[in-house]
Amino acid sequence: MADAVIVSGIATGKPVDAEKLTLAKKISPVPVIVGSGTTYDNLPKLWKYADGFIVGTWIKKDGKTKNDIDLRKARKLVDFEFYFPKDLLPIDV
């Protein structure tokens, strides 16, 4: 059995379909992870339907995957989780 289910958008950096995410959360016996397209702006909408998030493109400077991490964006995500905490199950890798 899988340790988690990852629901992604149609390509790197593209947002996940909220209906598919909701369905996955409803039927999955394991944690559901958003695999692409998470941004600070759509995080509130996705927050209640996912157990975790893989954030890559959005957190990079100018949204370019090869660029360094934009620390301002990283702080925004950390602050969001701080002010809206939820218990995330650790996933052993």
Protein backbone atom coordinates (compact mmCIF):
# COMPACT_ATOMS: atom_id res chain seq x y z
CA MET A 1 0.00 0.00 0.00
CA ALA A 2 1.16 3.55 -0.73
CA ASP A 3 2.16 5.87 2.11
CA ALA A 4 0.38 8.81 0.46
CA VAL A 5 -1.45 9.93 -2.66
CA ILE A 6 -0.12 12.90 -4.63
CA VAL A 7 -2.61 14.91 -6.67
CA SER A 8 -1.02 17.24 -9.23
CA GLY A 9 -2.02 19.75 -11.84
CA ILE A 10 -1.53 19.15 -15.56
CA ALA A 11 2.14 20.28 -15.47
CA THR A 12 4.86 21.60 -13.18
CA GLY A 13 3.60 24.68 -11.38
CA LYS A 14 0.03 24.24 -12.61
CA PRO A 15 -2.65 24.14 -9.90
CA VAL A 16 -4.43 21.00 -8.89
CA ASP A 17 -8.10 20.59 -9.80
CA ALA A 18 -9.95 21.27 -6.52
CA GLU A 19 -12.69 18.75 -7.34
CA LYS A 20 -10.14 15.98 -7.93
CA LEU A 21 -8.36 16.90 -4.72
CA THR A 22 -11.62 16.80 -2.77
CA LEU A 23 -12.48 13.39 -4.25
CA ALA A 24 -9.03 12.01 -3.47
CA LYS A 25 -9.30 13.19 0.13
CA LYS A 26 -12.74 11.66 0.47
CA ILE A 27 -11.76 8.20 -0.78
CA SER A 28 -8.09 7.86 0.19
CA PRO A 29 -7.16 5.80 3.25
CA VAL A 30 -3.73 7.49 3.28
CA PRO A 31 -2.66 11.17 3.41
CA VAL A 32 -3.32 13.28 0.31
CA ILE A 33 -0.55 15.60 -0.86
CA VAL A 34 -0.89 18.46 -3.36
CA GLY A 35 1.94 17.90 -5.82
CA SER A 36 1.93 21.04 -7.94
CA GLY A 37 0.63 24.54 -8.29
CA THR A 38 0.48 25.52 -4.63
CA THR A 39 0.76 29.27 -4.14
CA TYR A 40 0.10 31.54 -1.20
CA ASP A 41 -3.07 32.72 -2.92
CA ASN A 42 -4.63 29.28 -3.43
CA LEU A 43 -3.36 27.72 -0.20
CA PRO A 44 -6.44 28.75 1.84
CA LYS A 45 -8.72 27.01 -0.67
CA LEU A 46 -6.65 23.80 -0.72
CA TRP A 47 -5.70 23.74 2.98
CA LYS A 48 -8.69 21.78 4.24
CA TYR A 49 -8.51 19.14 1.51
CA ALA A 50 -4.84 18.17 1.70
CA ASP A 51 -2.56 16.69 4.31
CA GLY A 52 0.54 18.23 2.82
CA PHE A 53 1.96 20.26 -0.04
CA ILE A 54 4.95 20.00 -2.36
CA VAL A 55 5.93 23.56 -3.17
CA GLY A 56 8.55 24.13 -5.84
CA THR A 57 7.97 26.55 -8.69
CA TRP A 58 6.05 29.20 -6.76
CA ILE A 59 8.66 29.47 -4.01
CA LYS A 60 11.50 30.09 -6.49
CA LYS A 61 12.57 33.59 -7.51
CA ASP A 62 10.54 34.69 -10.55
CA GLY A 63 8.85 31.26 -10.58
CA LYS A 64 11.84 29.70 -12.35
CA THR A 65 12.71 26.23 -11.08
CA LYS A 66 16.46 26.74 -11.45
CA ASN A 67 16.48 29.99 -9.46
CA ASP A 68 17.17 30.27 -5.74
CA ILE A 69 14.36 30.15 -3.22
CA ASP A 70 12.62 33.46 -2.65
CA LEU A 71 12.87 33.80 1.14
CA ARG A 72 9.96 36.28 1.25
CA LYS A 73 7.67 33.68 -0.33
CA ALA A 74 9.00 30.93 1.93
CA ARG A 75 8.25 33.07 4.99
CA LYS A 76 4.69 33.68 3.77
CA LEU A 77 4.05 29.93 3.62
CA VAL A 78 5.58 29.34 7.03
CA ASP A 79 3.54 32.16 8.51
CA PHE A 80 0.36 30.76 6.97
CA GLU A 81 0.93 27.40 8.62
CA PHE A 82 1.78 29.12 11.91
CA TYR A 83 -1.46 31.10 11.96
CA PHE A 84 -3.63 28.28 10.58
CA PRO A 85 -2.02 25.14 12.05
CA LYS A 86 -3.23 21.64 11.45
CA ASP A 87 -1.85 18.29 12.36
CA LEU A 88 0.07 16.92 9.41
CA LEU A 89 0.94 13.27 9.55
CA PRO A 90 4.64 12.64 8.94
CA ILE A 91 5.38 10.50 5.91
CA ASP A 92 8.34 8.18 6.12
CA VAL A 93 10.44 8.37 2.98
